[in-house]
Amino acid sequence: MKELKRHAIIAGIIAIACCVIILVIVVVRCSNTTALHLGGKGKMTMTATQIDSLRSIGQWEFLSIADEEVVDTIRHGFFGDDRLARIYYGTLRLGIDLSKAPDGWISNDKDTVVVTLPKVQLLDDNFVDEARTRSFIETGKWTEADRAALTRKAAIIMRHRCMTEANIKLANDNAKVQMATLVKSMGFQHVRVEVAE
């Protein structure tokens, strides 16, 4: 649990640093245009340039989970059983992909900017670290296809173990806080961030 929190803190620091860099780029780009404009009755709305700059962030990680699994398989034979057992390591990254944000994902509700983020998802399906995989039991003859099948089984187990409601909620909470901080740093005082279900 401590390692999970440490990874979450490191991921949060990296995400905030990226946000600050992007924010500087946005401010420099928007310095020739009006960064904020007033809508009816003094409400502030985002410009299309600001919305596009947020969408250009692309994948944004909010939780990183390191996992290791022991996975084995047995092949029964006439003269005895063959067994293959391997240790797999992987890092699952949960976050959002802002490039997939639909039109209208940023809107106004009176004096509040409302941001509806895409659903939190696994950012990379290739999270098993093949270079660190080790066999600790291998009896009989096993093909590369057998090993690949075992790797797929390990990926399914890791995904099931790490994509829990608690981890998704933690990633959602991190997403809301970090996006609200970023939008407020652009000059908007009232921000509400929601994550699609």
C-alpha atoms as a PDB file:
ATOM      1  CA  MET A   1       0.000   0.000   0.000  1.00  0.00           C
ATOM      2  CA  LYS A   2       2.909   2.361   0.780  1.00  0.00           C
ATOM      3  CA  GLU A   3       4.408   1.677  -2.638  1.00  0.00           C
ATOM      4  CA  LEU A   4       1.017   2.355  -4.259  1.00  0.00           C
ATOM      5  CA  LYS A   5       0.783   5.705  -2.467  1.00  0.00           C
ATOM      6  CA  ARG A   6       4.368   6.532  -3.398  1.00  0.00           C
ATOM      7  CA  HIS A   7       3.650   5.777  -7.079  1.00  0.00           C
ATOM      8  CA  ALA A   8       0.468   7.871  -6.904  1.00  0.00           C
ATOM      9  CA  ILE A   9       2.398  10.814  -5.396  1.00  0.00           C
ATOM     10  CA  ILE A  10       5.161  10.547  -8.007  1.00  0.00           C
ATOM     11  CA  ALA A  11       2.569  10.354 -10.787  1.00  0.00           C
ATOM     12  CA  GLY A  12       0.816  13.397  -9.335  1.00  0.00           C
ATOM     13  CA  ILE A  13       4.046  15.425  -9.196  1.00  0.00           C
ATOM     14  CA  ILE A  14       4.906  14.505 -12.784  1.00  0.00           C
ATOM     15  CA  ALA A  15       1.388  15.387 -13.941  1.00  0.00           C
ATOM     16  CA  ILE A  16       1.487  18.771 -12.188  1.00  0.00           C
ATOM     17  CA  ALA A  17       4.916  19.533 -13.686  1.00  0.00           C
ATOM     18  CA  CYS A  18       3.560  18.688 -17.155  1.00  0.00           C
ATOM     19  CA  CYS A  19       0.545  20.905 -16.512  1.00  0.00           C
ATOM     20  CA  VAL A  20       2.757  23.828 -15.531  1.00  0.00           C
ATOM     21  CA  ILE A  21       4.797  23.443 -18.728  1.00  0.00           C
ATOM     22  CA  ILE A  22       1.654  23.233 -20.836  1.00  0.00           C
ATOM     23  CA  LEU A  23       0.212  26.217 -19.016  1.00  0.00           C
ATOM     24  CA  VAL A  24       3.296  28.306 -19.834  1.00  0.00           C
ATOM     25  CA  ILE A  25       2.962  27.302 -23.490  1.00  0.00           C
ATOM     26  CA  VAL A  26      -0.739  28.198 -23.463  1.00  0.00           C
ATOM     27  CA  VAL A  27      -0.082  31.592 -21.859  1.00  0.00           C
ATOM     28  CA  VAL A  28       2.638  32.385 -24.405  1.00  0.00           C
ATOM     29  CA  ARG A  29       0.418  31.302 -27.317  1.00  0.00           C
ATOM     30  CA  CYS A  30      -2.595  33.198 -26.032  1.00  0.00           C
ATOM     31  CA  SER A  31      -0.696  36.368 -25.153  1.00  0.00           C
ATOM     32  CA  ASN A  32      -1.537  37.813 -28.576  1.00  0.00           C
ATOM     33  CA  THR A  33      -5.245  37.069 -28.140  1.00  0.00           C
ATOM     34  CA  THR A  34      -7.668  37.632 -25.345  1.00  0.00           C
ATOM     35  CA  ALA A  35      -7.144  34.761 -22.869  1.00  0.00           C
ATOM     36  CA  LEU A  36     -10.511  35.261 -21.237  1.00  0.00           C
ATOM     37  CA  HIS A  37     -13.534  36.995 -22.598  1.00  0.00           C
ATOM     38  CA  LEU A  38     -16.658  38.096 -20.922  1.00  0.00           C
ATOM     39  CA  GLY A  39     -19.924  36.560 -21.954  1.00  0.00           C
ATOM     40  CA  GLY A  40     -23.325  37.922 -21.068  1.00  0.00           C
ATOM     41  CA  LYS A  41     -23.619  39.543 -17.631  1.00  0.00           C
ATOM     42  CA  GLY A  42     -19.894  39.314 -16.914  1.00  0.00           C
ATOM     43  CA  LYS A  43     -19.462  35.515 -16.993  1.00  0.00           C
ATOM     44  CA  MET A  44     -16.106  34.241 -18.187  1.00  0.00           C
ATOM     45  CA  THR A  45     -15.922  31.563 -20.863  1.00  0.00           C
ATOM     46  CA  MET A  46     -13.032  29.646 -22.351  1.00  0.00           C
ATOM     47  CA  THR A  47     -11.785  30.422 -25.807  1.00  0.00           C
ATOM     48  CA  ALA A  48     -11.521  27.742 -28.471  1.00  0.00           C
ATOM     49  CA  THR A  49      -7.709  28.074 -28.295  1.00  0.00           C
ATOM     50  CA  GLN A  50      -7.718  27.321 -24.578  1.00  0.00           C
ATOM     51  CA  ILE A  51      -9.974  24.299 -25.047  1.00  0.00           C
ATOM     52  CA  ASP A  52      -7.765  22.993 -27.877  1.00  0.00           C
ATOM     53  CA  SER A  53      -4.644  23.442 -25.735  1.00  0.00           C
ATOM     54  CA  LEU A  54      -6.220  21.364 -22.954  1.00  0.00           C
ATOM     55  CA  ARG A  55      -7.265  18.666 -25.416  1.00  0.00           C
ATOM     56  CA  SER A  56      -3.697  18.580 -26.805  1.00  0.00           C
ATOM     57  CA  ILE A  57      -2.447  17.266 -23.433  1.00  0.00           C
ATOM     58  CA  GLY A  58      -3.554  13.836 -24.731  1.00  0.00           C
ATOM     59  CA  GLN A  59      -2.971  11.025 -22.255  1.00  0.00           C
ATOM     60  CA  TRP A  60      -2.824  12.158 -18.648  1.00  0.00           C
ATOM     61  CA  GLU A  61      -1.878   9.603 -15.992  1.00  0.00           C
ATOM     62  CA  PHE A  62      -3.464   9.843 -12.554  1.00  0.00           C
ATOM     63  CA  LEU A  63      -2.510   6.523 -10.967  1.00  0.00           C
ATOM     64  CA  SER A  64       0.322   4.064 -11.561  1.00  0.00           C
ATOM     65  CA  ILE A  65       0.142   0.552 -10.082  1.00  0.00           C
ATOM     66  CA  ALA A  66       3.102  -1.830  -9.997  1.00  0.00           C
ATOM     67  CA  ASP A  67       2.132  -5.498  -9.870  1.00  0.00           C
ATOM     68  CA  GLU A  68       3.795  -8.882  -9.973  1.00  0.00           C
ATOM     69  CA  GLU A  69       2.104 -12.196 -10.558  1.00  0.00           C
ATOM     70  CA  VAL A  70       3.161 -15.834 -10.521  1.00  0.00           C
ATOM     71  CA  VAL A  71       1.380 -17.670 -13.324  1.00  0.00           C
ATOM     72  CA  ASP A  72       1.747 -21.325 -14.180  1.00  0.00           C
ATOM     73  CA  THR A  73       0.386 -23.956 -16.491  1.00  0.00           C
ATOM     74  CA  ILE A  74       0.521 -27.755 -16.495  1.00  0.00           C
ATOM     75  CA  ARG A  75       0.419 -30.085 -19.484  1.00  0.00           C
ATOM     76  CA  HIS A  76      -0.571 -33.637 -18.579  1.00  0.00           C
ATOM     77  CA  GLY A  77       1.233 -36.334 -20.504  1.00  0.00           C
ATOM     78  CA  PHE A  78       1.312 -40.107 -20.660  1.00  0.00           C
ATOM     79  CA  PHE A  79       4.724 -40.363 -18.961  1.00  0.00           C
ATOM     80  CA  GLY A  80       4.299 -37.399 -16.603  1.00  0.00           C
ATOM     81  CA  ASP A  81       3.299 -33.789 -16.405  1.00  0.00           C
ATOM     82  CA  ASP A  82       5.148 -30.798 -17.834  1.00  0.00           C
ATOM     83  CA  ARG A  83       4.969 -27.572 -15.841  1.00  0.00           C
ATOM     84  CA  LEU A  84       5.812 -23.977 -16.640  1.00  0.00           C
ATOM     85  CA  ALA A  85       5.708 -21.307 -13.907  1.00  0.00           C
ATOM     86  CA  ARG A  86       6.848 -17.725 -14.484  1.00  0.00           C
ATOM     87  CA  ILE A  87       6.945 -14.462 -12.534  1.00  0.00           C
ATOM     88  CA  TYR A  88       5.541 -11.484 -14.431  1.00  0.00           C
ATOM     89  CA  TYR A  89       5.982  -7.802 -13.594  1.00  0.00           C
ATOM     90  CA  GLY A  90       3.925  -4.948 -14.906  1.00  0.00           C
ATOM     91  CA  THR A  91       2.950  -1.336 -14.322  1.00  0.00           C
ATOM     92  CA  LEU A  92      -0.629  -0.377 -15.061  1.00  0.00           C
ATOM     93  CA  ARG A  93      -1.247   3.328 -15.706  1.00  0.00           C
ATOM     94  CA  LEU A  94      -4.764   4.660 -15.158  1.00  0.00           C
ATOM     95  CA  GLY A  95      -5.758   8.009 -16.591  1.00  0.00           C
ATOM     96  CA  ILE A  96      -7.684   9.818 -19.268  1.00  0.00           C
ATOM     97  CA  ASP A  97      -7.074  10.575 -22.915  1.00  0.00           C
ATOM     98  CA  LEU A  98      -8.116  14.175 -23.523  1.00  0.00           C
ATOM     99  CA  SER A  99      -7.742  13.720 -27.278  1.00  0.00           C
ATOM    100  CA  LYS A 100     -10.922  11.601 -27.002  1.00  0.00           C
ATOM    101  CA  ALA A 101     -12.875  14.337 -25.221  1.00  0.00           C
ATOM    102  CA  PRO A 102     -16.135  14.939 -27.112  1.00  0.00           C
ATOM    103  CA  ASP A 103     -17.328  18.326 -28.338  1.00  0.00           C
ATOM    104  CA  GLY A 104     -18.876  20.299 -25.516  1.00  0.00           C
ATOM    105  CA  TRP A 105     -16.691  18.719 -22.817  1.00  0.00           C
ATOM    106  CA  ILE A 106     -16.066  22.205 -21.459  1.00  0.00           C
ATOM    107  CA  SER A 107     -19.134  24.366 -20.876  1.00  0.00           C
ATOM    108  CA  ASN A 108     -20.463  27.100 -18.594  1.00  0.00           C
ATOM    109  CA  ASP A 109     -23.062  26.961 -15.862  1.00  0.00           C
ATOM    110  CA  LYS A 110     -23.622  30.612 -14.883  1.00  0.00           C
ATOM    111  CA  ASP A 111     -20.242  31.741 -13.474  1.00  0.00           C
ATOM    112  CA  THR A 112     -18.773  28.211 -13.276  1.00  0.00           C
ATOM    113  CA  VAL A 113     -16.633  26.441 -15.880  1.00  0.00           C
ATOM    114  CA  VAL A 114     -17.806  22.822 -16.105  1.00  0.00           C
ATOM    115  CA  VAL A 115     -15.280  20.277 -17.378  1.00  0.00           C
ATOM    116  CA  THR A 116     -16.514  16.764 -18.194  1.00  0.00           C
ATOM    117  CA  LEU A 117     -13.495  14.476 -18.522  1.00  0.00           C
ATOM    118  CA  PRO A 118     -13.509  11.239 -20.523  1.00  0.00           C
ATOM    119  CA  LYS A 119     -13.790   7.998 -18.589  1.00  0.00           C
ATOM    120  CA  VAL A 120     -10.708   6.870 -16.642  1.00  0.00           C
ATOM    121  CA  GLN A 121      -9.120   3.959 -18.462  1.00  0.00           C
ATOM    122  CA  LEU A 122      -6.005   1.851 -18.738  1.00  0.00           C
ATOM    123  CA  LEU A 123      -3.691   4.022 -20.840  1.00  0.00           C
ATOM    124  CA  ASP A 124      -1.537   1.223 -22.256  1.00  0.00           C
ATOM    125  CA  ASP A 125      -2.550  -2.394 -22.875  1.00  0.00           C
ATOM    126  CA  ASN A 126       1.120  -3.460 -23.119  1.00  0.00           C
ATOM    127  CA  PHE A 127       1.904  -3.119 -19.423  1.00  0.00           C
ATOM    128  CA  VAL A 128       3.638  -6.484 -18.856  1.00  0.00           C
ATOM    129  CA  ASP A 129       7.413  -5.993 -18.659  1.00  0.00           C
ATOM    130  CA  GLU A 130       8.662  -8.914 -20.758  1.00  0.00           C
ATOM    131  CA  ALA A 131      12.309  -8.095 -20.020  1.00  0.00           C
ATOM    132  CA  ARG A 132      11.810  -8.784 -16.303  1.00  0.00           C
ATOM    133  CA  THR A 133       9.786 -11.996 -16.752  1.00  0.00           C
ATOM    134  CA  ARG A 134      11.523 -15.005 -15.229  1.00  0.00           C
ATOM    135  CA  SER A 135      10.778 -18.728 -15.332  1.00  0.00           C
ATOM    136  CA  PHE A 136      11.309 -20.452 -12.019  1.00  0.00           C
ATOM    137  CA  ILE A 137       9.847 -23.847 -12.949  1.00  0.00           C
ATOM    138  CA  GLU A 138      10.156 -25.233 -16.446  1.00  0.00           C
ATOM    139  CA  THR A 139       9.877 -28.961 -17.014  1.00  0.00           C
ATOM    140  CA  GLY A 140       9.239 -30.420 -20.439  1.00  0.00           C
ATOM    141  CA  LYS A 141       9.307 -28.637 -23.791  1.00  0.00           C
ATOM    142  CA  TRP A 142       7.472 -25.333 -24.160  1.00  0.00           C
ATOM    143  CA  THR A 143       7.141 -23.266 -27.324  1.00  0.00           C
ATOM    144  CA  GLU A 144       7.108 -19.488 -27.707  1.00  0.00           C
ATOM    145  CA  ALA A 145       3.364 -19.768 -28.379  1.00  0.00           C
ATOM    146  CA  ASP A 146       2.964 -21.467 -24.970  1.00  0.00           C
ATOM    147  CA  ARG A 147       4.913 -18.666 -23.290  1.00  0.00           C
ATOM    148  CA  ALA A 148       2.882 -16.002 -25.136  1.00  0.00           C
ATOM    149  CA  ALA A 149      -0.346 -17.641 -23.949  1.00  0.00           C
ATOM    150  CA  LEU A 150       0.965 -17.555 -20.368  1.00  0.00           C
ATOM    151  CA  THR A 151       1.851 -13.856 -20.777  1.00  0.00           C
ATOM    152  CA  ARG A 152      -1.707 -13.121 -21.949  1.00  0.00           C
ATOM    153  CA  LYS A 153      -3.023 -14.984 -18.898  1.00  0.00           C
ATOM    154  CA  ALA A 154      -0.758 -12.892 -16.635  1.00  0.00           C
ATOM    155  CA  ALA A 155      -2.035  -9.671 -18.255  1.00  0.00           C
ATOM    156  CA  ILE A 156      -5.646 -10.692 -17.599  1.00  0.00           C
ATOM    157  CA  ILE A 157      -4.851 -11.447 -13.943  1.00  0.00           C
ATOM    158  CA  MET A 158      -2.998  -8.135 -13.492  1.00  0.00           C
ATOM    159  CA  ARG A 159      -5.808  -6.167 -15.106  1.00  0.00           C
ATOM    160  CA  HIS A 160      -8.380  -7.888 -12.867  1.00  0.00           C
ATOM    161  CA  ARG A 161      -6.322  -7.277  -9.719  1.00  0.00           C
ATOM    162  CA  CYS A 162      -5.511  -3.607 -10.442  1.00  0.00           C
ATOM    163  CA  MET A 163      -8.582  -2.227 -12.245  1.00  0.00           C
ATOM    164  CA  THR A 164     -10.640  -2.208  -9.072  1.00  0.00           C
ATOM    165  CA  GLU A 165     -13.384   0.239  -8.130  1.00  0.00           C
ATOM    166  CA  ALA A 166     -11.133   1.679  -5.411  1.00  0.00           C
ATOM    167  CA  ASN A 167      -8.248   2.330  -7.838  1.00  0.00           C
ATOM    168  CA  ILE A 168     -10.560   3.812 -10.469  1.00  0.00           C
ATOM    169  CA  LYS A 169     -12.110   6.088  -7.823  1.00  0.00           C
ATOM    170  CA  LEU A 170      -8.644   7.203  -6.707  1.00  0.00           C
ATOM    171  CA  ALA A 171      -7.699   7.991 -10.324  1.00  0.00           C
ATOM    172  CA  ASN A 172     -11.007   9.874 -10.774  1.00  0.00           C
ATOM    173  CA  ASP A 173     -10.379  11.924  -7.632  1.00  0.00           C
ATOM    174  CA  ASN A 174      -6.831  12.766  -8.770  1.00  0.00           C
ATOM    175  CA  ALA A 175      -8.158  13.736 -12.216  1.00  0.00           C
ATOM    176  CA  LYS A 176     -10.733  16.120 -10.747  1.00  0.00           C
ATOM    177  CA  VAL A 177      -8.236  17.832  -8.451  1.00  0.00           C
ATOM    178  CA  GLN A 178      -5.508  18.218 -11.065  1.00  0.00           C
ATOM    179  CA  MET A 179      -7.839  19.430 -13.830  1.00  0.00           C
ATOM    180  CA  ALA A 180      -9.505  21.940 -11.481  1.00  0.00           C
ATOM    181  CA  THR A 181      -6.065  23.235 -10.474  1.00  0.00           C
ATOM    182  CA  LEU A 182      -5.033  23.597 -14.113  1.00  0.00           C
ATOM    183  CA  VAL A 183      -8.217  25.430 -15.157  1.00  0.00           C
ATOM    184  CA  LYS A 184      -8.026  27.743 -12.130  1.00  0.00           C
ATOM    185  CA  SER A 185      -4.429  28.550 -13.019  1.00  0.00           C
ATOM    186  CA  MET A 186      -5.782  29.815 -16.363  1.00  0.00           C
ATOM    187  CA  GLY A 187      -7.718  32.511 -14.511  1.00  0.00           C
ATOM    188  CA  PHE A 188     -11.086  30.898 -13.828  1.00  0.00           C
ATOM    189  CA  GLN A 189     -12.230  31.080 -10.226  1.00  0.00           C
ATOM    190  CA  HIS A 190     -15.219  28.735 -10.262  1.00  0.00           C
ATOM    191  CA  VAL A 191     -14.544  25.301 -11.735  1.00  0.00           C
ATOM    192  CA  ARG A 192     -16.486  22.041 -11.490  1.00  0.00           C
ATOM    193  CA  VAL A 193     -14.873  18.892 -12.861  1.00  0.00           C
ATOM    194  CA  GLU A 194     -16.826  15.716 -13.569  1.00  0.00           C
ATOM    195  CA  VAL A 195     -15.618  12.402 -14.930  1.00  0.00           C
ATOM    196  CA  ALA A 196     -17.747  10.427 -17.395  1.00  0.00           C
ATOM    197  CA  GLU A 197     -19.005   7.115 -16.053  1.00  0.00           C
END
